[in-house]
mmCIF file of all heavy atoms, coordinates in Angstrom:
data_MODEL
# 
_entry.id   MODEL 
# 
loop_
_atom_site.group_PDB 
_atom_site.id 
_atom_site.type_symbol 
_atom_site.label_atom_id 
_atom_site.label_alt_id 
_atom_site.label_comp_id 
_atom_site.label_asym_id 
_atom_site.label_entity_id 
_atom_site.label_seq_id 
_atom_site.pdbx_PDB_ins_code 
_atom_site.Cartn_x 
_atom_site.Cartn_y 
_atom_site.Cartn_z 
_atom_site.occupancy 
_atom_site.B_iso_or_equiv 
_atom_site.pdbx_formal_charge 
_atom_site.auth_seq_id 
_atom_site.auth_comp_id 
_atom_site.auth_asym_id 
_atom_site.auth_atom_id 
_atom_site.pdbx_PDB_model_num 
ATOM 1   N N   . HIS A 1 1  ? 104.498 99.897  147.990 1.00 0.00 ? 1  HIS A N   1 
ATOM 2   C CA  . HIS A 1 1  ? 103.468 99.057  147.374 1.00 0.00 ? 1  HIS A CA  1 
ATOM 3   C C   . HIS A 1 1  ? 103.723 97.583  147.688 1.00 0.00 ? 1  HIS A C   1 
ATOM 4   O O   . HIS A 1 1  ? 102.792 96.832  147.954 1.00 0.00 ? 1  HIS A O   1 
ATOM 5   C CB  . HIS A 1 1  ? 103.488 99.215  145.843 1.00 0.00 ? 1  HIS A CB  1 
ATOM 6   C CG  . HIS A 1 1  ? 102.840 100.451 145.340 1.00 0.00 ? 1  HIS A CG  1 
ATOM 7   N ND1 . HIS A 1 1  ? 103.430 101.676 145.406 1.00 0.00 ? 1  HIS A ND1 1 
ATOM 8   C CD2 . HIS A 1 1  ? 101.646 100.647 144.748 1.00 0.00 ? 1  HIS A CD2 1 
ATOM 9   C CE1 . HIS A 1 1  ? 102.635 102.585 144.869 1.00 0.00 ? 1  HIS A CE1 1 
ATOM 10  N NE2 . HIS A 1 1  ? 101.545 101.987 144.463 1.00 0.00 ? 1  HIS A NE2 1 
ATOM 11  N N   . ARG A 1 2  ? 104.971 97.190  147.610 1.00 0.00 ? 2  ARG A N   1 
ATOM 12  C CA  . ARG A 1 2  ? 105.318 95.785  147.768 1.00 0.00 ? 2  ARG A CA  1 
ATOM 13  C C   . ARG A 1 2  ? 105.428 95.354  149.219 1.00 0.00 ? 2  ARG A C   1 
ATOM 14  O O   . ARG A 1 2  ? 105.162 94.209  149.545 1.00 0.00 ? 2  ARG A O   1 
ATOM 15  C CB  . ARG A 1 2  ? 106.635 95.521  147.038 1.00 0.00 ? 2  ARG A CB  1 
ATOM 16  C CG  . ARG A 1 2  ? 106.894 94.048  146.805 1.00 0.00 ? 2  ARG A CG  1 
ATOM 17  C CD  . ARG A 1 2  ? 108.189 93.838  146.105 1.00 0.00 ? 2  ARG A CD  1 
ATOM 18  N NE  . ARG A 1 2  ? 109.241 94.305  146.998 1.00 0.00 ? 2  ARG A NE  1 
ATOM 19  C CZ  . ARG A 1 2  ? 110.446 94.670  146.618 1.00 0.00 ? 2  ARG A CZ  1 
ATOM 20  N NH1 . ARG A 1 2  ? 110.768 94.639  145.372 1.00 0.00 ? 2  ARG A NH1 1 
ATOM 21  N NH2 . ARG A 1 2  ? 111.322 95.077  147.483 1.00 0.00 ? 2  ARG A NH2 1 
ATOM 22  N N   . THR A 1 3  ? 105.827 96.251  150.101 1.00 0.00 ? 3  THR A N   1 
ATOM 23  C CA  . THR A 1 3  ? 106.110 95.835  151.469 1.00 0.00 ? 3  THR A CA  1 
ATOM 24  C C   . THR A 1 3  ? 105.020 96.173  152.476 1.00 0.00 ? 3  THR A C   1 
ATOM 25  O O   . THR A 1 3  ? 104.796 95.418  153.409 1.00 0.00 ? 3  THR A O   1 
ATOM 26  C CB  . THR A 1 3  ? 107.436 96.453  151.960 1.00 0.00 ? 3  THR A CB  1 
ATOM 27  O OG1 . THR A 1 3  ? 107.337 97.876  151.894 1.00 0.00 ? 3  THR A OG1 1 
ATOM 28  C CG2 . THR A 1 3  ? 108.611 95.968  151.107 1.00 0.00 ? 3  THR A CG2 1 
ATOM 29  N N   . LYS A 1 4  ? 104.358 97.312  152.316 1.00 0.00 ? 4  LYS A N   1 
ATOM 30  C CA  . LYS A 1 4  ? 103.358 97.750  153.301 1.00 0.00 ? 4  LYS A CA  1 
ATOM 31  C C   . LYS A 1 4  ? 102.172 98.431  152.621 1.00 0.00 ? 4  LYS A C   1 
ATOM 32  O O   . LYS A 1 4  ? 101.832 99.573  152.947 1.00 0.00 ? 4  LYS A O   1 
ATOM 33  C CB  . LYS A 1 4  ? 104.001 98.707  154.311 1.00 0.00 ? 4  LYS A CB  1 
ATOM 34  C CG  . LYS A 1 4  ? 105.137 98.091  155.099 1.00 0.00 ? 4  LYS A CG  1 
ATOM 35  C CD  . LYS A 1 4  ? 105.815 99.158  155.955 1.00 0.00 ? 4  LYS A CD  1 
ATOM 36  C CE  . LYS A 1 4  ? 107.002 98.590  156.663 1.00 0.00 ? 4  LYS A CE  1 
ATOM 37  N NZ  . LYS A 1 4  ? 108.166 98.468  155.823 1.00 0.00 ? 4  LYS A NZ  1 
ATOM 38  N N   . PRO A 1 5  ? 101.504 97.753  151.700 1.00 0.00 ? 5  PRO A N   1 
ATOM 39  C CA  . PRO A 1 5  ? 100.430 98.427  150.963 1.00 0.00 ? 5  PRO A CA  1 
ATOM 40  C C   . PRO A 1 5  ? 99.268  98.879  151.847 1.00 0.00 ? 5  PRO A C   1 
ATOM 41  O O   . PRO A 1 5  ? 98.684  99.937  151.608 1.00 0.00 ? 5  PRO A O   1 
ATOM 42  C CB  . PRO A 1 5  ? 99.982  97.391  149.939 1.00 0.00 ? 5  PRO A CB  1 
ATOM 43  C CG  . PRO A 1 5  ? 100.389 96.080  150.526 1.00 0.00 ? 5  PRO A CG  1 
ATOM 44  C CD  . PRO A 1 5  ? 101.664 96.361  151.283 1.00 0.00 ? 5  PRO A CD  1 
ATOM 45  N N   . GLN A 1 6  ? 98.930  98.123  152.871 1.00 0.00 ? 6  GLN A N   1 
ATOM 46  C CA  . GLN A 1 6  ? 97.792  98.507  153.708 1.00 0.00 ? 6  GLN A CA  1 
ATOM 47  C C   . GLN A 1 6  ? 98.075  99.755  154.531 1.00 0.00 ? 6  GLN A C   1 
ATOM 48  O O   . GLN A 1 6  ? 97.183  100.536 154.803 1.00 0.00 ? 6  GLN A O   1 
ATOM 49  C CB  . GLN A 1 6  ? 97.364  97.360  154.620 1.00 0.00 ? 6  GLN A CB  1 
ATOM 50  C CG  . GLN A 1 6  ? 96.473  96.343  153.945 1.00 0.00 ? 6  GLN A CG  1 
ATOM 51  C CD  . GLN A 1 6  ? 95.282  96.962  153.235 1.00 0.00 ? 6  GLN A CD  1 
ATOM 52  O OE1 . GLN A 1 6  ? 95.218  96.963  152.010 1.00 0.00 ? 6  GLN A OE1 1 
ATOM 53  N NE2 . GLN A 1 6  ? 94.325  97.489  153.973 1.00 0.00 ? 6  GLN A NE2 1 
ATOM 54  N N   . THR A 1 7  ? 99.324  99.931  154.942 1.00 0.00 ? 7  THR A N   1 
ATOM 55  C CA  . THR A 1 7  ? 99.674  101.128 155.712 1.00 0.00 ? 7  THR A CA  1 
ATOM 56  C C   . THR A 1 7  ? 99.388  102.380 154.890 1.00 0.00 ? 7  THR A C   1 
ATOM 57  O O   . THR A 1 7  ? 98.739  103.318 155.363 1.00 0.00 ? 7  THR A O   1 
ATOM 58  C CB  . THR A 1 7  ? 101.158 101.084 156.130 1.00 0.00 ? 7  THR A CB  1 
ATOM 59  O OG1 . THR A 1 7  ? 101.387 99.895  156.874 1.00 0.00 ? 7  THR A OG1 1 
ATOM 60  C CG2 . THR A 1 7  ? 101.540 102.297 156.948 1.00 0.00 ? 7  THR A CG2 1 
ATOM 61  N N   . ALA A 1 8  ? 99.858  102.385 153.667 1.00 0.00 ? 8  ALA A N   1 
ATOM 62  C CA  . ALA A 1 8  ? 99.605  103.532 152.795 1.00 0.00 ? 8  ALA A CA  1 
ATOM 63  C C   . ALA A 1 8  ? 98.130  103.626 152.446 1.00 0.00 ? 8  ALA A C   1 
ATOM 64  O O   . ALA A 1 8  ? 97.556  104.724 152.424 1.00 0.00 ? 8  ALA A O   1 
ATOM 65  C CB  . ALA A 1 8  ? 100.441 103.416 151.527 1.00 0.00 ? 8  ALA A CB  1 
ATOM 66  N N   . ALA A 1 9  ? 97.491  102.494 152.188 1.00 0.00 ? 9  ALA A N   1 
ATOM 67  C CA  . ALA A 1 9  ? 96.094  102.498 151.753 1.00 0.00 ? 9  ALA A CA  1 
ATOM 68  C C   . ALA A 1 9  ? 95.167  103.143 152.774 1.00 0.00 ? 9  ALA A C   1 
ATOM 69  O O   . ALA A 1 9  ? 94.240  103.869 152.400 1.00 0.00 ? 9  ALA A O   1 
ATOM 70  C CB  . ALA A 1 9  ? 95.638  101.074 151.451 1.00 0.00 ? 9  ALA A CB  1 
ATOM 71  N N   . VAL A 1 10 ? 95.405  102.906 154.061 1.00 0.00 ? 10 VAL A N   1 
ATOM 72  C CA  . VAL A 1 10 ? 94.543  103.492 155.092 1.00 0.00 ? 10 VAL A CA  1 
ATOM 73  C C   . VAL A 1 10 ? 94.573  105.011 155.017 1.00 0.00 ? 10 VAL A C   1 
ATOM 74  O O   . VAL A 1 10 ? 93.537  105.675 154.988 1.00 0.00 ? 10 VAL A O   1 
ATOM 75  C CB  . VAL A 1 10 ? 94.936  102.993 156.501 1.00 0.00 ? 10 VAL A CB  1 
ATOM 76  C CG1 . VAL A 1 10 ? 94.222  103.783 157.575 1.00 0.00 ? 10 VAL A CG1 1 
ATOM 77  C CG2 . VAL A 1 10 ? 94.630  101.508 156.634 1.00 0.00 ? 10 VAL A CG2 1 
ATOM 78  N N   . GLY A 1 11 ? 95.756  105.580 154.969 1.00 0.00 ? 11 GLY A N   1 
ATOM 79  C CA  . GLY A 1 11 ? 95.868  107.034 154.892 1.00 0.00 ? 11 GLY A CA  1 
ATOM 80  C C   . GLY A 1 11 ? 95.336  107.595 153.589 1.00 0.00 ? 11 GLY A C   1 
ATOM 81  O O   . GLY A 1 11 ? 94.672  108.637 153.573 1.00 0.00 ? 11 GLY A O   1 
ATOM 82  N N   . LEU A 1 12 ? 95.591  106.901 152.483 1.00 0.00 ? 12 LEU A N   1 
ATOM 83  C CA  . LEU A 1 12 ? 95.157  107.406 151.181 1.00 0.00 ? 12 LEU A CA  1 
ATOM 84  C C   . LEU A 1 12 ? 93.651  107.295 151.008 1.00 0.00 ? 12 LEU A C   1 
ATOM 85  O O   . LEU A 1 12 ? 93.035  108.118 150.327 1.00 0.00 ? 12 LEU A O   1 
ATOM 86  C CB  . LEU A 1 12 ? 95.884  106.663 150.064 1.00 0.00 ? 12 LEU A CB  1 
ATOM 87  C CG  . LEU A 1 12 ? 97.412  106.820 150.067 1.00 0.00 ? 12 LEU A CG  1 
ATOM 88  C CD1 . LEU A 1 12 ? 98.034  105.956 148.987 1.00 0.00 ? 12 LEU A CD1 1 
ATOM 89  C CD2 . LEU A 1 12 ? 97.807  108.271 149.914 1.00 0.00 ? 12 LEU A CD2 1 
ATOM 90  N N   . THR A 1 13 ? 93.050  106.298 151.631 1.00 0.00 ? 13 THR A N   1 
ATOM 91  C CA  . THR A 1 13 ? 91.602  106.134 151.555 1.00 0.00 ? 13 THR A CA  1 
ATOM 92  C C   . THR A 1 13 ? 90.889  107.182 152.403 1.00 0.00 ? 13 THR A C   1 
ATOM 93  O O   . THR A 1 13 ? 89.734  107.516 152.160 1.00 0.00 ? 13 THR A O   1 
ATOM 94  C CB  . THR A 1 13 ? 91.211  104.710 151.996 1.00 0.00 ? 13 THR A CB  1 
ATOM 95  O OG1 . THR A 1 13 ? 91.864  103.779 151.120 1.00 0.00 ? 13 THR A OG1 1 
ATOM 96  C CG2 . THR A 1 13 ? 89.724  104.473 151.917 1.00 0.00 ? 13 THR A CG2 1 
ATOM 97  N N   . ASP A 1 14 ? 91.591  107.725 153.384 1.00 0.00 ? 14 ASP A N   1 
ATOM 98  C CA  . ASP A 1 14 ? 90.996  108.700 154.305 1.00 0.00 ? 14 ASP A CA  1 
ATOM 99  C C   . ASP A 1 14 ? 91.221  110.148 153.879 1.00 0.00 ? 14 ASP A C   1 
ATOM 100 O O   . ASP A 1 14 ? 90.578  111.044 154.410 1.00 0.00 ? 14 ASP A O   1 
ATOM 101 C CB  . ASP A 1 14 ? 91.592  108.478 155.708 1.00 0.00 ? 14 ASP A CB  1 
ATOM 102 C CG  . ASP A 1 14 ? 90.819  109.202 156.778 1.00 0.00 ? 14 ASP A CG  1 
ATOM 103 O OD1 . ASP A 1 14 ? 89.578  109.073 156.796 1.00 0.00 ? 14 ASP A OD1 1 
ATOM 104 O OD2 . ASP A 1 14 ? 91.445  109.898 157.589 1.00 0.00 ? 14 ASP A OD2 1 
ATOM 105 N N   . SER A 1 15 ? 92.103  110.375 152.932 1.00 0.00 ? 15 SER A N   1 
ATOM 106 C CA  . SER A 1 15 ? 92.449  111.753 152.578 1.00 0.00 ? 15 SER A CA  1 
ATOM 107 C C   . SER A 1 15 ? 92.470  111.953 151.065 1.00 0.00 ? 15 SER A C   1 
ATOM 108 O O   . SER A 1 15 ? 93.370  111.444 150.384 1.00 0.00 ? 15 SER A O   1 
ATOM 109 C CB  . SER A 1 15 ? 93.836  112.098 153.139 1.00 0.00 ? 15 SER A CB  1 
ATOM 110 O OG  . SER A 1 15 ? 94.299  113.309 152.594 1.00 0.00 ? 15 SER A OG  1 
ATOM 111 N N   . PRO A 1 16 ? 91.515  112.711 150.540 1.00 0.00 ? 16 PRO A N   1 
ATOM 112 C CA  . PRO A 1 16 ? 91.545  112.952 149.091 1.00 0.00 ? 16 PRO A CA  1 
ATOM 113 C C   . PRO A 1 16 ? 92.793  113.722 148.656 1.00 0.00 ? 16 PRO A C   1 
ATOM 114 O O   . PRO A 1 16 ? 93.336  113.467 147.580 1.00 0.00 ? 16 PRO A O   1 
ATOM 115 C CB  . PRO A 1 16 ? 90.268  113.743 148.816 1.00 0.00 ? 16 PRO A CB  1 
ATOM 116 C CG  . PRO A 1 16 ? 89.796  114.231 150.135 1.00 0.00 ? 16 PRO A CG  1 
ATOM 117 C CD  . PRO A 1 16 ? 90.363  113.331 151.184 1.00 0.00 ? 16 PRO A CD  1 
ATOM 118 N N   . ALA A 1 17 ? 93.277  114.624 149.499 1.00 0.00 ? 17 ALA A N   1 
ATOM 119 C CA  . ALA A 1 17 ? 94.496  115.367 149.150 1.00 0.00 ? 17 ALA A CA  1 
ATOM 120 C C   . ALA A 1 17 ? 95.699  114.429 149.152 1.00 0.00 ? 17 ALA A C   1 
ATOM 121 O O   . ALA A 1 17 ? 96.562  114.506 148.265 1.00 0.00 ? 17 ALA A O   1 
ATOM 122 C CB  . ALA A 1 17 ? 94.722  116.520 150.125 1.00 0.00 ? 17 ALA A CB  1 
ATOM 123 N N   . GLY A 1 18 ? 95.769  113.543 150.131 1.00 0.00 ? 18 GLY A N   1 
ATOM 124 C CA  . GLY A 1 18 ? 96.856  112.570 150.183 1.00 0.00 ? 18 GLY A CA  1 
ATOM 125 C C   . GLY A 1 18 ? 96.814  111.626 148.994 1.00 0.00 ? 18 GLY A C   1 
ATOM 126 O O   . GLY A 1 18 ? 97.844  111.313 148.394 1.00 0.00 ? 18 GLY A O   1 
ATOM 127 N N   . LEU A 1 19 ? 95.624  111.170 148.651 1.00 0.00 ? 19 LEU A N   1 
ATOM 128 C CA  . LEU A 1 19 ? 95.463  110.280 147.500 1.00 0.00 ? 19 LEU A CA  1 
ATOM 129 C C   . LEU A 1 19 ? 95.910  110.981 146.220 1.00 0.00 ? 19 LEU A C   1 
ATOM 130 O O   . LEU A 1 19 ? 96.648  110.407 145.414 1.00 0.00 ? 19 LEU A O   1 
ATOM 131 C CB  . LEU A 1 19 ? 94.006  109.830 147.377 1.00 0.00 ? 19 LEU A CB  1 
ATOM 132 C CG  . LEU A 1 19 ? 93.693  108.942 146.179 1.00 0.00 ? 19 LEU A CG  1 
ATOM 133 C CD1 . LEU A 1 19 ? 94.419  107.603 146.275 1.00 0.00 ? 19 LEU A CD1 1 
ATOM 134 C CD2 . LEU A 1 19 ? 92.192  108.728 146.058 1.00 0.00 ? 19 LEU A CD2 1 
ATOM 135 N N   . ALA A 1 20 ? 95.486  112.224 146.053 1.00 0.00 ? 20 ALA A N   1 
ATOM 136 C CA  . ALA A 1 20 ? 95.879  112.979 144.851 1.00 0.00 ? 20 ALA A CA  1 
ATOM 137 C C   . ALA A 1 20 ? 97.389  113.146 144.789 1.00 0.00 ? 20 ALA A C   1 
ATOM 138 O O   . ALA A 1 20 ? 98.002  112.946 143.731 1.00 0.00 ? 20 ALA A O   1 
ATOM 139 C CB  . ALA A 1 20 ? 95.181  114.343 144.835 1.00 0.00 ? 20 ALA A CB  1 
ATOM 140 N N   . ALA A 1 21 ? 98.006  113.483 145.920 1.00 0.00 ? 21 ALA A N   1 
ATOM 141 C CA  . ALA A 1 21 ? 99.462  113.652 145.939 1.00 0.00 ? 21 ALA A CA  1 
ATOM 142 C C   . ALA A 1 21 ? 100.164 112.354 145.585 1.00 0.00 ? 21 ALA A C   1 
ATOM 143 O O   . ALA A 1 21 ? 101.134 112.338 144.813 1.00 0.00 ? 21 ALA A O   1 
ATOM 144 C CB  . ALA A 1 21 ? 99.912  114.146 147.316 1.00 0.00 ? 21 ALA A CB  1 
ATOM 145 N N   . TRP A 1 22 ? 99.703  111.244 146.132 1.00 0.00 ? 22 TRP A N   1 
ATOM 146 C CA  . TRP A 1 22 ? 100.300 109.929 145.876 1.00 0.00 ? 22 TRP A CA  1 
ATOM 147 C C   . TRP A 1 22 ? 100.200 109.578 144.394 1.00 0.00 ? 22 TRP A C   1 
ATOM 148 O O   . TRP A 1 22 ? 101.183 109.199 143.762 1.00 0.00 ? 22 TRP A O   1 
ATOM 149 C CB  . TRP A 1 22 ? 99.586  108.871 146.724 1.00 0.00 ? 22 TRP A CB  1 
ATOM 150 C CG  . TRP A 1 22 ? 100.130 107.498 146.585 1.00 0.00 ? 22 TRP A CG  1 
ATOM 151 C CD1 . TRP A 1 22 ? 99.741  106.538 145.695 1.00 0.00 ? 22 TRP A CD1 1 
ATOM 152 C CD2 . TRP A 1 22 ? 101.174 106.892 147.359 1.00 0.00 ? 22 TRP A CD2 1 
ATOM 153 N NE1 . TRP A 1 22 ? 100.466 105.391 145.874 1.00 0.00 ? 22 TRP A NE1 1 
ATOM 154 C CE2 . TRP A 1 22 ? 101.348 105.592 146.891 1.00 0.00 ? 22 TRP A CE2 1 
ATOM 155 C CE3 . TRP A 1 22 ? 101.952 107.356 148.412 1.00 0.00 ? 22 TRP A CE3 1 
ATOM 156 C CZ2 . TRP A 1 22 ? 102.281 104.726 147.444 1.00 0.00 ? 22 TRP A CZ2 1 
ATOM 157 C CZ3 . TRP A 1 22 ? 102.888 106.484 148.952 1.00 0.00 ? 22 TRP A CZ3 1 
ATOM 158 C CH2 . TRP A 1 22 ? 103.047 105.192 148.460 1.00 0.00 ? 22 TRP A CH2 1 
ATOM 159 N N   . ILE A 1 23 ? 99.016  109.714 143.831 1.00 0.00 ? 23 ILE A N   1 
ATOM 160 C CA  . ILE A 1 23 ? 98.802  109.339 142.432 1.00 0.00 ? 23 ILE A CA  1 
ATOM 161 C C   . ILE A 1 23 ? 99.592  110.251 141.493 1.00 0.00 ? 23 ILE A C   1 
ATOM 162 O O   . ILE A 1 23 ? 100.223 109.768 140.547 1.00 0.00 ? 23 ILE A O   1 
ATOM 163 C CB  . ILE A 1 23 ? 97.297  109.337 142.098 1.00 0.00 ? 23 ILE A CB  1 
ATOM 164 C CG1 . ILE A 1 23 ? 96.636  108.142 142.805 1.00 0.00 ? 23 ILE A CG1 1 
ATOM 165 C CG2 . ILE A 1 23 ? 97.057  109.287 140.596 1.00 0.00 ? 23 ILE A CG2 1 
ATOM 166 C CD1 . ILE A 1 23 ? 95.136  108.079 142.674 1.00 0.00 ? 23 ILE A CD1 1 
ATOM 167 N N   . VAL A 1 24 ? 99.590  111.544 141.747 1.00 0.00 ? 24 VAL A N   1 
ATOM 168 C CA  . VAL A 1 24 ? 100.338 112.467 140.888 1.00 0.00 ? 24 VAL A CA  1 
ATOM 169 C C   . VAL A 1 24 ? 101.830 112.143 140.926 1.00 0.00 ? 24 VAL A C   1 
ATOM 170 O O   . VAL A 1 24 ? 102.504 112.122 139.889 1.00 0.00 ? 24 VAL A O   1 
ATOM 171 C CB  . VAL A 1 24 ? 100.068 113.937 141.276 1.00 0.00 ? 24 VAL A CB  1 
ATOM 172 C CG1 . VAL A 1 24 ? 101.047 114.880 140.585 1.00 0.00 ? 24 VAL A CG1 1 
ATOM 173 C CG2 . VAL A 1 24 ? 98.626  114.307 140.928 1.00 0.00 ? 24 VAL A CG2 1 
ATOM 174 N N   . GLU A 1 25 ? 102.352 111.851 142.108 1.00 0.00 ? 25 GLU A N   1 
ATOM 175 C CA  . GLU A 1 25 ? 103.785 111.501 142.212 1.00 0.00 ? 25 GLU A CA  1 
ATOM 176 C C   . GLU A 1 25 ? 104.090 110.245 141.399 1.00 0.00 ? 25 GLU A C   1 
ATOM 177 O O   . GLU A 1 25 ? 105.092 110.182 140.694 1.00 0.00 ? 25 GLU A O   1 
ATOM 178 C CB  . GLU A 1 25 ? 104.168 111.313 143.686 1.00 0.00 ? 25 GLU A CB  1 
ATOM 179 C CG  . GLU A 1 25 ? 105.649 111.090 143.909 1.00 0.00 ? 25 GLU A CG  1 
ATOM 180 C CD  . GLU A 1 25 ? 106.097 109.639 143.734 1.00 0.00 ? 25 GLU A CD  1 
ATOM 181 O OE1 . GLU A 1 25 ? 105.317 108.728 144.092 1.00 0.00 ? 25 GLU A OE1 1 
ATOM 182 O OE2 . GLU A 1 25 ? 107.215 109.427 143.226 1.00 0.00 ? 25 GLU A OE2 1 
ATOM 183 N N   . LYS A 1 26 ? 103.234 109.232 141.467 1.00 0.00 ? 26 LYS A N   1 
ATOM 184 C CA  . LYS A 1 26 ? 103.460 108.005 140.697 1.00 0.00 ? 26 LYS A CA  1 
ATOM 185 C C   . LYS A 1 26 ? 103.330 108.273 139.200 1.00 0.00 ? 26 LYS A C   1 
ATOM 186 O O   . LYS A 1 26 ? 104.106 107.751 138.400 1.00 0.00 ? 26 LYS A O   1 
ATOM 187 C CB  . LYS A 1 26 ? 102.480 106.901 141.118 1.00 0.00 ? 26 LYS A CB  1 
ATOM 188 C CG  . LYS A 1 26 ? 102.624 106.462 142.560 1.00 0.00 ? 26 LYS A CG  1 
ATOM 189 C CD  . LYS A 1 26 ? 104.017 105.947 142.853 1.00 0.00 ? 26 LYS A CD  1 
ATOM 190 C CE  . LYS A 1 26 ? 104.194 105.649 144.313 1.00 0.00 ? 26 LYS A CE  1 
ATOM 191 N NZ  . LYS A 1 26 ? 105.285 106.382 144.937 1.00 0.00 ? 26 LYS A NZ  1 
ATOM 192 N N   . MET A 1 27 ? 102.351 109.086 138.819 1.00 0.00 ? 27 MET A N   1 
ATOM 193 C CA  . MET A 1 27 ? 102.183 109.391 137.396 1.00 0.00 ? 27 MET A CA  1 
ATOM 194 C C   . MET A 1 27 ? 103.415 110.109 136.849 1.00 0.00 ? 27 MET A C   1 
ATOM 195 O O   . MET A 1 27 ? 103.812 109.887 135.709 1.00 0.00 ? 27 MET A O   1 
ATOM 196 C CB  . MET A 1 27 ? 100.919 110.226 137.175 1.00 0.00 ? 27 MET A CB  1 
ATOM 197 C CG  . MET A 1 27 ? 99.639  109.441 137.397 1.00 0.00 ? 27 MET A CG  1 
ATOM 198 S SD  . MET A 1 27 ? 98.152  110.447 137.287 1.00 0.00 ? 27 MET A SD  1 
ATOM 199 C CE  . MET A 1 27 ? 98.012  110.646 135.527 1.00 0.00 ? 27 MET A CE  1 
# 
């Protein structure tokens, strides 16, 4: 989040499964 937010954001914006996995892990 702090060092490369756009790198992660591109992939997460393109993949609902990736976004769900990311958010669930953070939760």
